[in-house]
Amino acid sequence: MTRPTSLNAARRARELDGLAADPAVDVVVIGAGVTGAGVALDAAARGLGVVLVDRHDLAFGTSRWSSKLVHGGLRYLAKAQVGVAYESARERDVLMRVTAPHLVRTMPMVVPLHETVDTAHATVTRTGVAMGDLLRVAAGTDRGTLPRSRRLNRAQTARLLPGIRDTGLRGGILSFDGQLTDDARLVVALARTAAGLGARVITRCAAEQAHGDGVVLRDTRTGERLEVRARAVVNATGVYAGELVPGLRLRPSRGTHLVLPAEALGHPRTAVTVPIPGSFNRFVLVLPQRDGRVFVGLTDEPVDGPLPEVPEVPESDIAFLLGVVNGITTRPLRRSDVIGAYAGLRPLLDAGDRSSADLSRRHAVLVADNGVISVVGGKLTTYRSMAQDAVDMAVRTSRLAAGRCRTRELPLVGAADRNTLDAVPAERRLVARYGTEAAAVIEEAVGDPALLAPVANGVTPAELRFAVRHEGALDVSDLLDRRTRIGLVPEDRAKAVAAAEEALAAG
């Protein structure tokens, strides 16, 4: 059954036909990452006519390459960016309680205190974590969702982190943050929720020209062009924003993550925050995932020259991350332990000669001379706030008749309170990815139980079919690299190609 929020090839065709027949809308949003999808949802929830386009797919760019964290901004506190840290804590609370409680879970994190972490570093870390507790309270997040931080003794730290080196270990600091099941799934949920409110979501549709009162779009599947009149145009293309608005100065920064089997790190029971030697405010994170894997990241390296659509991971980043983590492990990690790797590009605002690691993560909403509104900077956790500011600017500058922002109290498709989610008749893995729609995923296998047999990393053909029929997946890459994330490990991806092709054929 087609749902009001369903995205698929047939709906895409209808939306394009509708635009051709009546090419006038309130707002065009260019870029379907987390920020663009958030802008589309905010605008649609205010009653505006919205078109969201992307030249590739939902979550094609930076939004799928994050640490999968919904974090309270401890790093920003270390840099005295209290405003950014508070915004992060506030938006984390909205995500965990209202927007997507099915996609976000509480994640314990430990900073191990070895002899290499001197007294000054340990004091700074404890102070930052304590300030994080205060921000949690200020944001209104209860202790049942995010407990208070506390000190751990040596035995407690070693018990939580079996693979850690106990020589020179004094103890640890335990804190709590939010962890996304999958960043790309958050983007898909945002886009589908916007579609349910009337937004037209059109992927494989490039904006070849943009100005304040319209855009020229090209359907990359057919080559057909379409001029759309708009009262406001929002550029949410991240690191590529300067391609649409010349003169916009960004400083892209590469953040790399490694994918490792959990056994290589002794099956850690919490995430690990590893201080980078010689730095007070930089860390490498070891992040256990639900599927028995661990992400290790991340780097912060400036990127010069032409920007790739899919960034490559250099061996220097891999060596750096392994080297930092090996400073605390019992068994040294080897290059052969790395079963996958990915990198994303942060769209940081240029601030002169400062290094990319020192640039603020604060976002900005800018209006170009041609009237295009660009929203840049920021981070995944604060996408909702960024979207609200962008839509506020569009309403103000274009005098749009719009209602108030509703996204603080608007759950995404699949979202529900914890008791409701616990009662969903489906395995926990599915509930963590689909929320209340988990049962609908299982329905894809009615009459063919084989569709519930995993093809790779626990993902089933039923999920692939659901993605084609309801989540806008148009090709194999959409299915494996964004809807399910099988593609994070190349060996898994190879196993699942045939099943993805079958799902597309089944429609």
Protein backbone atom coordinates (compact mmCIF):
# COMPACT_ATOMS: atom_id res chain seq x y z
CA MET A 1 0.00 0.00 0.00
CA THR A 2 1.32 3.46 -0.91
CA ARG A 3 1.57 5.75 2.11
CA PRO A 4 1.24 9.57 2.04
CA THR A 5 4.93 9.72 2.95
CA SER A 6 6.04 7.15 0.37
CA LEU A 7 8.74 8.16 -2.09
CA ASN A 8 9.25 6.08 -5.23
CA ALA A 9 9.84 6.34 -8.96
CA ALA A 10 6.15 6.74 -9.77
CA ARG A 11 5.70 9.61 -7.32
CA ARG A 12 8.84 11.28 -8.64
CA ALA A 13 7.42 11.19 -12.16
CA ARG A 14 4.12 12.69 -10.98
CA GLU A 15 5.91 15.47 -9.12
CA LEU A 16 7.93 16.39 -12.21
CA ASP A 17 4.81 16.36 -14.38
CA GLY A 18 3.02 18.57 -11.86
CA LEU A 19 5.88 21.07 -11.86
CA ALA A 20 5.92 21.18 -15.65
CA ALA A 21 2.19 21.95 -15.66
CA ASP A 22 2.45 24.60 -12.92
CA PRO A 23 6.07 25.70 -12.35
CA ALA A 24 5.37 28.15 -9.53
CA VAL A 25 6.12 27.37 -5.89
CA ASP A 26 6.87 29.18 -2.65
CA VAL A 27 10.26 27.65 -1.86
CA VAL A 28 12.81 25.61 -3.79
CA VAL A 29 15.42 23.88 -1.63
CA ILE A 30 18.58 22.70 -3.38
CA GLY A 31 20.45 19.86 -1.69
CA ALA A 32 18.80 16.88 0.02
CA GLY A 33 21.21 16.29 2.86
CA VAL A 34 20.17 16.67 6.47
CA THR A 35 20.04 20.47 6.26
CA GLY A 36 18.14 20.65 2.99
CA ALA A 37 15.67 17.96 4.05
CA GLY A 38 15.27 19.83 7.34
CA VAL A 39 14.56 23.08 5.50
CA ALA A 40 11.99 21.36 3.28
CA LEU A 41 10.24 19.88 6.32
CA ASP A 42 10.21 23.17 8.23
CA ALA A 43 8.82 25.08 5.25
CA ALA A 44 6.19 22.44 4.45
CA ALA A 45 5.12 22.31 8.11
CA ARG A 46 4.49 26.07 7.95
CA GLY A 47 2.10 25.55 5.03
CA LEU A 48 4.40 26.63 2.23
CA GLY A 49 4.61 24.98 -1.18
CA VAL A 50 8.01 23.30 -1.30
CA VAL A 51 10.20 21.55 -3.85
CA LEU A 52 13.31 19.74 -2.60
CA VAL A 53 15.80 18.69 -5.28
CA ASP A 54 19.17 16.97 -5.35
CA ARG A 55 21.35 16.12 -8.32
CA HIS A 56 22.02 12.73 -6.76
CA ASP A 57 20.11 11.06 -3.92
CA LEU A 58 18.92 11.74 -0.41
CA ALA A 59 21.93 11.91 1.94
CA PHE A 60 24.35 11.49 -0.96
CA GLY A 61 26.99 13.81 0.48
CA THR A 62 28.36 14.76 3.88
CA SER A 63 25.22 13.79 5.80
CA ARG A 64 25.91 10.07 5.41
CA TRP A 65 29.57 10.32 6.38
CA SER A 66 29.19 11.53 9.98
CA SER A 67 30.17 9.84 13.24
CA LYS A 68 26.47 8.98 13.69
CA LEU A 69 26.47 11.06 16.87
CA VAL A 70 23.80 13.35 18.26
CA HIS A 71 26.14 15.09 20.61
CA GLY A 72 25.97 17.77 23.26
CA GLY A 73 29.03 19.67 22.15
CA LEU A 74 31.75 18.66 24.60
CA ARG A 75 34.39 19.54 22.00
CA TYR A 76 32.94 23.05 21.66
CA LEU A 77 33.08 23.57 25.41
CA ALA A 78 36.79 22.75 25.25
CA LYS A 79 37.12 25.65 22.80
CA ALA A 80 34.97 27.95 24.98
CA GLN A 81 32.22 27.96 22.32
CA VAL A 82 29.47 27.79 24.93
CA GLY A 83 26.73 29.03 22.60
CA VAL A 84 27.43 26.32 20.04
CA ALA A 85 27.60 23.71 22.80
CA TYR A 86 24.26 24.78 24.26
CA GLU A 87 22.63 24.73 20.83
CA SER A 88 23.93 21.18 20.37
CA ALA A 89 22.56 20.07 23.76
CA ARG A 90 19.18 21.64 23.07
CA GLU A 91 18.87 20.08 19.62
CA ARG A 92 20.04 16.72 20.95
CA ASP A 93 17.16 16.84 23.42
CA VAL A 94 14.63 17.55 20.65
CA LEU A 95 15.94 14.67 18.55
CA MET A 96 15.99 12.15 21.40
CA ARG A 97 12.59 13.03 22.87
CA VAL A 98 10.44 14.18 19.95
CA THR A 99 11.86 14.14 16.45
CA ALA A 100 13.43 10.69 16.14
CA PRO A 101 13.55 8.68 19.39
CA HIS A 102 13.50 5.51 17.28
CA LEU A 103 16.74 6.50 15.53
CA VAL A 104 18.66 7.81 18.55
CA ARG A 105 19.79 5.87 21.59
CA THR A 106 21.75 6.76 24.71
CA MET A 107 25.44 6.04 24.27
CA PRO A 108 27.88 5.74 27.22
CA MET A 109 31.35 7.12 26.53
CA VAL A 110 34.54 6.64 28.52
CA VAL A 111 37.70 8.72 28.53
CA PRO A 112 40.41 6.36 29.82
CA LEU A 113 43.03 8.07 31.97
CA HIS A 114 46.41 6.56 31.25
CA GLU A 115 49.75 7.93 32.34
CA THR A 116 49.95 9.81 29.03
CA VAL A 117 46.98 11.96 30.13
CA ASP A 118 48.60 14.33 32.59
CA THR A 119 46.84 16.07 35.44
CA ALA A 120 46.12 19.23 33.45
CA HIS A 121 44.48 17.28 30.60
CA ALA A 122 42.46 15.17 33.04
CA THR A 123 41.26 18.27 34.87
CA VAL A 124 40.21 19.98 31.64
CA THR A 125 38.33 16.84 30.57
CA ARG A 126 36.53 16.45 33.91
CA THR A 127 35.59 20.13 33.87
CA GLY A 128 34.24 19.87 30.34
CA VAL A 129 32.20 16.78 31.15
CA ALA A 130 30.76 18.50 34.25
CA MET A 131 29.80 21.51 32.11
CA GLY A 132 28.18 19.07 29.69
CA ASP A 133 26.02 17.86 32.59
CA LEU A 134 24.94 21.44 33.24
CA LEU A 135 24.07 21.90 29.57
CA ARG A 136 22.02 18.70 29.67
CA VAL A 137 20.01 20.12 32.57
CA ALA A 138 19.65 23.49 30.84
CA ALA A 139 18.38 21.75 27.69
CA GLY A 140 15.74 19.93 29.76
CA THR A 141 17.02 16.39 29.13
CA ASP A 142 16.12 14.11 32.03
CA ARG A 143 18.57 11.75 33.71
CA GLY A 144 16.61 8.74 32.50
CA THR A 145 17.59 9.70 28.96
CA LEU A 146 21.14 10.92 29.65
CA PRO A 147 22.49 10.05 33.12
CA ARG A 148 25.04 12.19 34.92
CA SER A 149 28.71 11.70 34.25
CA ARG A 150 30.92 10.09 36.88
CA ARG A 151 34.45 8.96 37.66
CA LEU A 152 35.45 5.34 37.17
CA ASN A 153 38.19 3.49 38.99
CA ARG A 154 40.75 1.37 37.22
CA ALA A 155 38.78 -1.89 37.51
CA GLN A 156 35.52 -0.35 36.29
CA THR A 157 37.26 1.19 33.28
CA ALA A 158 38.95 -2.09 32.35
CA ARG A 159 35.64 -3.97 32.67
CA LEU A 160 33.87 -1.63 30.25
CA LEU A 161 36.81 -1.63 27.82
CA PRO A 162 38.23 -5.17 27.73
CA GLY A 163 40.69 -4.38 24.96
CA ILE A 164 42.25 -1.42 26.69
CA ARG A 165 45.84 -1.45 27.97
CA ASP A 166 45.73 -1.66 31.77
CA THR A 167 49.38 -0.72 32.26
CA GLY A 168 49.44 2.83 33.54
CA LEU A 169 45.63 3.03 33.68
CA ARG A 170 44.43 5.21 36.57
CA GLY A 171 40.70 5.11 35.85
CA GLY A 172 38.29 6.85 33.53
CA ILE A 173 35.54 9.41 33.09
CA LEU A 174 32.11 8.14 32.06
CA SER A 175 29.62 10.40 30.30
CA PHE A 176 26.58 9.93 28.07
CA ASP A 177 25.58 11.23 24.67
CA GLY A 178 23.26 10.35 21.78
CA GLN A 179 24.01 7.92 18.96
CA LEU A 180 22.14 7.62 15.67
CA THR A 181 21.32 4.21 14.29
CA ASP A 182 22.17 5.72 10.91
CA ASP A 183 22.61 9.30 9.73
CA ALA A 184 21.30 8.57 6.21
CA ARG A 185 18.10 7.14 7.66
CA LEU A 186 17.52 10.40 9.52
CA VAL A 187 17.69 12.26 6.21
CA VAL A 188 15.27 9.81 4.56
CA ALA A 189 12.84 10.22 7.47
CA LEU A 190 13.03 14.02 7.20
CA ALA A 191 12.36 13.94 3.46
CA ARG A 192 9.46 11.50 3.79
CA THR A 193 7.89 13.49 6.60
CA ALA A 194 8.15 16.62 4.45
CA ALA A 195 6.57 14.70 1.57
CA GLY A 196 3.70 13.71 3.85
CA LEU A 197 3.08 17.43 4.41
CA GLY A 198 2.99 18.11 0.68
CA ALA A 199 6.60 18.81 -0.21
CA ARG A 200 7.73 17.56 -3.60
CA VAL A 201 10.94 15.57 -3.14
CA ILE A 202 12.77 14.99 -6.42
CA THR A 203 16.14 13.30 -6.56
CA ARG A 204 18.33 12.95 -9.70
CA CYS A 205 17.32 16.54 -10.43
CA ALA A 206 20.15 19.06 -10.75
CA ALA A 207 19.81 22.79 -10.23
CA GLU A 208 21.83 24.19 -13.13
CA GLN A 209 21.01 27.82 -12.41
CA ALA A 210 19.67 29.50 -9.30
CA HIS A 211 18.57 33.02 -8.48
CA GLY A 212 16.29 34.51 -5.88
CA ASP A 213 13.09 34.03 -7.87
CA GLY A 214 13.64 30.69 -9.53
CA VAL A 215 15.82 27.84 -10.71
CA VAL A 216 16.57 25.91 -13.87
CA LEU A 217 16.33 22.19 -13.14
CA ARG A 218 17.53 19.24 -15.20
CA ASP A 219 16.21 15.73 -14.77
CA THR A 220 19.48 13.78 -14.88
CA ARG A 221 17.61 10.61 -15.83
CA THR A 222 16.06 12.07 -19.00
CA GLY A 223 18.04 15.24 -19.65
CA GLU A 224 14.84 17.34 -19.73
CA ARG A 225 15.06 20.88 -18.36
CA LEU A 226 12.45 22.78 -16.41
CA GLU A 227 12.29 26.40 -15.28
CA VAL A 228 10.64 26.80 -11.89
CA ARG A 229 9.48 30.12 -10.48
CA ALA A 230 9.96 30.43 -6.74
CA ARG A 231 9.41 33.15 -4.20
CA ALA A 232 12.47 31.94 -2.30
CA VAL A 233 15.42 29.68 -3.16
CA VAL A 234 17.50 28.03 -0.44
CA ASN A 235 20.97 26.71 -1.23
CA ALA A 236 21.66 23.81 1.17
CA THR A 237 24.37 22.07 -0.84
CA GLY A 238 27.00 22.07 1.89
CA VAL A 239 30.59 22.15 0.65
CA TYR A 240 29.30 22.70 -2.90
CA ALA A 241 27.36 25.88 -1.97
CA GLY A 242 29.90 28.05 -3.78
CA GLU A 243 29.06 26.36 -7.08
CA LEU A 244 25.60 27.95 -6.97
CA VAL A 245 26.59 31.21 -5.27
CA PRO A 246 29.97 32.43 -6.52
CA GLY A 247 31.92 34.34 -3.91
CA LEU A 248 30.73 32.21 -1.00
CA ARG A 249 33.95 31.26 0.80
CA LEU A 250 34.11 27.89 2.51
CA ARG A 251 37.01 25.90 3.95
CA PRO A 252 36.18 22.20 3.44
CA SER A 253 37.65 19.85 6.02
CA ARG A 254 37.92 16.07 5.63
CA GLY A 255 36.71 13.85 8.43
CA THR A 256 37.69 10.18 8.03
CA HIS A 257 36.29 7.14 9.85
CA LEU A 258 37.43 3.54 9.82
CA VAL A 259 35.18 0.49 10.09
CA LEU A 260 36.54 -2.41 12.16
CA PRO A 261 35.09 -5.61 13.63
CA ALA A 262 34.36 -5.17 17.33
CA GLU A 263 36.54 -8.15 18.23
CA ALA A 264 39.62 -6.28 17.02
CA LEU A 265 39.09 -3.92 19.96
CA GLY A 266 38.02 -6.53 22.51
CA HIS A 267 34.27 -5.82 22.11
CA PRO A 268 34.13 -2.49 23.98
CA ARG A 269 30.94 -2.04 26.03
CA THR A 270 31.00 1.74 25.64
CA ALA A 271 32.33 4.27 23.22
CA VAL A 272 35.87 5.44 23.91
CA THR A 273 37.13 9.00 23.73
CA VAL A 274 40.89 8.90 23.15
CA PRO A 275 42.77 12.18 23.72
CA ILE A 276 45.15 13.03 20.90
CA PRO A 277 48.61 13.48 22.40
CA GLY A 278 49.66 17.12 22.55
CA SER A 279 46.12 18.53 22.16
CA PHE A 280 43.67 19.75 24.80
CA ASN A 281 40.58 19.70 22.61
CA ARG A 282 41.02 16.98 19.97
CA PHE A 283 40.05 13.35 20.38
CA VAL A 284 39.66 10.15 18.40
CA LEU A 285 36.41 8.31 19.01
CA VAL A 286 35.86 4.55 19.11
CA LEU A 287 32.15 4.06 18.47
CA PRO A 288 30.55 0.59 18.82
CA GLN A 289 27.63 -0.03 16.45
CA ARG A 290 24.61 -2.32 16.77
CA ASP A 291 25.88 -4.64 14.04
CA GLY A 292 29.02 -5.80 15.86
CA ARG A 293 31.29 -3.28 14.20
CA VAL A 294 33.14 -0.24 15.46
CA PHE A 295 33.70 3.13 13.81
CA VAL A 296 36.96 4.89 14.62
CA GLY A 297 37.26 8.57 13.78
CA LEU A 298 37.78 11.24 13.00
CA THR A 299 40.34 13.36 11.26
CA ASP A 300 40.15 17.10 10.61
CA GLU A 301 42.24 17.84 7.54
CA PRO A 302 41.87 20.80 5.16
CA VAL A 303 40.92 19.97 1.57
CA ASP A 304 42.24 22.05 -1.30
CA GLY A 305 41.42 21.97 -4.98
CA PRO A 306 38.37 20.48 -6.75
CA LEU A 307 35.90 18.77 -4.43
CA PRO A 308 35.12 15.09 -5.12
CA GLU A 309 31.54 13.88 -4.99
CA VAL A 310 32.64 10.87 -2.91
CA PRO A 311 35.83 11.67 -0.96
CA GLU A 312 38.57 9.06 -0.90
CA VAL A 313 40.27 8.01 2.32
CA PRO A 314 44.04 8.53 2.18
CA GLU A 315 46.35 6.04 3.85
CA SER A 316 47.73 8.86 5.99
CA ASP A 317 44.33 9.25 7.68
CA ILE A 318 44.11 5.51 8.32
CA ALA A 319 47.61 5.43 9.81
CA PHE A 320 46.86 8.43 12.02
CA LEU A 321 43.65 6.97 13.48
CA LEU A 322 45.17 3.55 14.06
CA GLY A 323 48.19 5.15 15.68
CA VAL A 324 46.16 7.16 18.19
CA VAL A 325 43.99 4.20 19.19
CA ASN A 326 47.00 1.90 19.45
CA GLY A 327 48.26 4.14 22.21
CA ILE A 328 45.63 2.68 24.55
CA THR A 329 45.01 -0.88 23.29
CA THR A 330 46.37 -4.21 24.46
CA ARG A 331 46.51 -5.66 20.95
CA PRO A 332 47.77 -3.22 18.32
CA LEU A 333 45.37 -2.63 15.48
CA ARG A 334 46.73 -3.53 12.04
CA ARG A 335 45.88 -2.19 8.63
CA SER A 336 44.32 -5.57 7.85
CA ASP A 337 41.79 -5.01 10.66
CA VAL A 338 40.22 -2.18 8.67
CA ILE A 339 37.29 -3.67 6.73
CA GLY A 340 35.94 -0.35 5.49
CA ALA A 341 36.55 3.38 5.60
CA TYR A 342 34.71 6.56 4.67
CA ALA A 343 35.32 10.30 4.63
CA GLY A 344 33.06 13.33 4.61
CA LEU A 345 33.70 17.01 3.89
CA ARG A 346 32.65 19.58 6.48
CA PRO A 347 31.27 22.83 5.00
CA LEU A 348 33.16 25.22 7.33
CA LEU A 349 33.02 28.97 6.89
CA ASP A 350 36.35 30.47 5.85
CA ALA A 351 38.02 32.41 8.66
CA GLY A 352 41.36 33.39 7.20
CA ASP A 353 44.52 31.61 8.23
CA ARG A 354 43.13 29.49 11.06
CA SER A 355 43.43 25.71 10.68
CA SER A 356 40.28 23.77 9.81
CA ALA A 357 40.35 22.09 13.23
CA ASP A 358 40.08 25.52 14.87
CA LEU A 359 37.22 26.86 12.74
CA SER A 360 33.87 27.35 14.44
CA ARG A 361 31.06 24.87 13.77
CA ARG A 362 28.52 27.66 14.07
CA HIS A 363 26.19 27.91 11.09
CA ALA A 364 25.31 30.96 9.04
CA VAL A 365 22.41 31.96 6.80
CA LEU A 366 23.54 34.31 4.04
CA VAL A 367 21.62 36.13 1.30
CA ALA A 368 23.54 36.58 -1.97
CA ASP A 369 23.24 39.58 -4.28
CA ASN A 370 21.04 37.49 -6.58
CA GLY A 371 18.65 36.70 -3.72
CA VAL A 372 19.60 33.07 -3.14
CA ILE A 373 19.63 32.14 0.54
CA SER A 374 22.55 29.89 1.54
CA VAL A 375 22.75 27.97 4.79
CA VAL A 376 26.27 26.79 5.54
CA GLY A 377 28.45 25.60 8.41
CA GLY A 378 26.92 23.82 11.39
CA LYS A 379 26.73 20.10 11.97
CA LEU A 380 24.29 17.22 11.84
CA THR A 381 23.01 17.59 15.42
CA THR A 382 21.89 21.17 14.84
CA TYR A 383 20.27 20.68 11.43
CA ARG A 384 16.81 21.63 12.79
CA SER A 385 18.01 24.96 14.14
CA MET A 386 19.81 25.66 10.87
CA ALA A 387 16.66 24.85 8.92
CA GLN A 388 14.53 27.10 11.12
CA ASP A 389 16.90 30.03 10.62
CA ALA A 390 16.93 29.47 6.85
CA VAL A 391 13.13 29.35 6.58
CA ASP A 392 12.80 32.37 8.86
CA MET A 393 15.08 34.26 6.47
CA ALA A 394 13.04 33.12 3.45
CA VAL A 395 9.78 34.16 5.08
CA ARG A 396 11.21 37.54 6.06
CA THR A 397 12.98 38.45 2.82
CA SER A 398 10.25 37.16 0.48
CA ARG A 399 7.30 38.18 2.67
CA LEU A 400 5.86 34.68 2.60
CA ALA A 401 2.56 34.01 4.34
CA ALA A 402 3.68 31.20 6.63
CA GLY A 403 2.76 29.72 9.97
CA ARG A 404 5.14 29.38 12.90
CA CYS A 405 7.98 26.87 13.03
CA ARG A 406 6.60 23.51 14.23
CA THR A 407 9.61 21.24 14.03
CA ARG A 408 10.39 21.22 17.77
CA GLU A 409 7.22 19.24 18.35
CA LEU A 410 6.93 17.36 15.05
CA PRO A 411 7.87 13.63 15.12
CA LEU A 412 9.32 12.12 11.98
CA VAL A 413 7.80 9.15 10.18
CA GLY A 414 8.34 6.05 12.34
CA ALA A 415 8.87 8.01 15.56
CA ALA A 416 7.07 7.20 18.82
CA ASP A 417 7.67 7.16 22.55
CA ARG A 418 9.74 4.37 24.04
CA ASN A 419 6.76 2.34 25.30
CA THR A 420 5.14 2.37 21.86
CA LEU A 421 8.39 1.37 20.17
CA ASP A 422 8.91 -1.47 22.64
CA ALA A 423 5.49 -2.84 21.67
CA VAL A 424 6.16 -2.92 17.90
CA PRO A 425 5.92 -6.58 16.78
CA ALA A 426 9.32 -6.78 15.08
CA GLU A 427 12.91 -7.56 15.95
CA ARG A 428 14.77 -4.78 17.74
CA ARG A 429 17.16 -4.21 14.83
CA LEU A 430 14.25 -3.28 12.58
CA VAL A 431 12.60 -1.07 15.21
CA ALA A 432 15.89 0.81 15.64
CA ARG A 433 15.93 1.56 11.92
CA TYR A 434 12.25 1.95 11.04
CA GLY A 435 10.46 2.63 14.32
CA THR A 436 6.74 2.03 14.07
CA GLU A 437 7.14 1.13 10.38
CA ALA A 438 9.12 -2.01 11.22
CA ALA A 439 5.98 -4.11 10.93
CA ALA A 440 5.35 -2.66 7.45
CA VAL A 441 8.83 -3.76 6.41
CA ILE A 442 8.01 -7.30 7.48
CA GLU A 443 4.78 -7.13 5.45
CA GLU A 444 6.94 -6.90 2.32
CA ALA A 445 7.70 -10.60 2.89
CA VAL A 446 4.08 -11.77 3.12
CA GLY A 447 3.80 -14.85 0.92
CA ASP A 448 7.57 -15.19 0.59
CA PRO A 449 9.37 -15.79 3.92
CA ALA A 450 12.69 -15.97 2.06
CA LEU A 451 12.55 -12.17 1.86
CA LEU A 452 13.34 -12.10 5.59
CA ALA A 453 16.60 -14.03 5.21
CA PRO A 454 19.58 -11.64 5.51
CA VAL A 455 21.68 -11.03 2.42
CA ALA A 456 24.52 -9.14 4.16
CA ASN A 457 25.14 -7.65 7.60
CA GLY A 458 21.63 -8.60 8.76
CA VAL A 459 19.82 -6.67 6.01
CA THR A 460 16.99 -8.54 4.30
CA PRO A 461 15.42 -8.36 0.82
CA ALA A 462 12.24 -7.10 2.50
CA GLU A 463 14.11 -3.98 3.57
CA LEU A 464 15.40 -3.47 0.05
CA ARG A 465 11.89 -3.72 -1.36
CA PHE A 466 10.56 -1.30 1.26
CA ALA A 467 13.27 1.17 0.26
CA VAL A 468 12.25 0.98 -3.41
CA ARG A 469 8.52 1.31 -2.73
CA HIS A 470 8.53 3.84 0.11
CA GLU A 471 11.97 5.45 0.55
CA GLY A 472 12.77 6.74 -2.92
CA ALA A 473 15.58 4.32 -3.82
CA LEU A 474 16.07 4.37 -7.59
CA ASP A 475 19.16 2.24 -8.13
CA VAL A 476 21.52 -0.25 -6.53
CA SER A 477 23.71 2.45 -5.02
CA ASP A 478 20.71 4.11 -3.34
CA LEU A 479 19.82 0.78 -1.77
CA LEU A 480 23.24 -0.42 -0.64
CA ASP A 481 25.10 2.80 0.06
CA ARG A 482 22.39 4.97 1.63
CA ARG A 483 19.15 3.18 2.61
CA THR A 484 20.87 0.20 4.26
CA ARG A 485 24.60 1.15 4.49
CA ILE A 486 25.67 -2.33 3.44
CA GLY A 487 28.19 -0.57 1.21
CA LEU A 488 30.31 0.64 4.15
CA VAL A 489 32.09 -2.71 3.88
CA PRO A 490 32.97 -3.54 0.25
CA GLU A 491 32.85 -7.31 0.84
CA ASP A 492 29.27 -7.03 2.13
CA ARG A 493 28.28 -4.84 -0.78
CA ALA A 494 29.39 -7.44 -3.30
CA LYS A 495 27.18 -10.05 -1.60
CA ALA A 496 24.08 -7.86 -1.80
CA VAL A 497 24.15 -6.52 -5.38
CA ALA A 498 21.96 -9.29 -6.80
CA ALA A 499 19.33 -8.87 -4.08
CA ALA A 500 19.27 -5.11 -4.71
CA GLU A 501 18.73 -5.65 -8.42
CA GLU A 502 15.86 -8.04 -7.66
CA ALA A 503 14.24 -5.47 -5.34
CA LEU A 504 14.40 -2.82 -8.04
CA ALA A 505 12.91 -5.18 -10.58
CA ALA A 506 10.07 -6.06 -8.20
CA GLY A 507 9.28 -2.39 -7.81
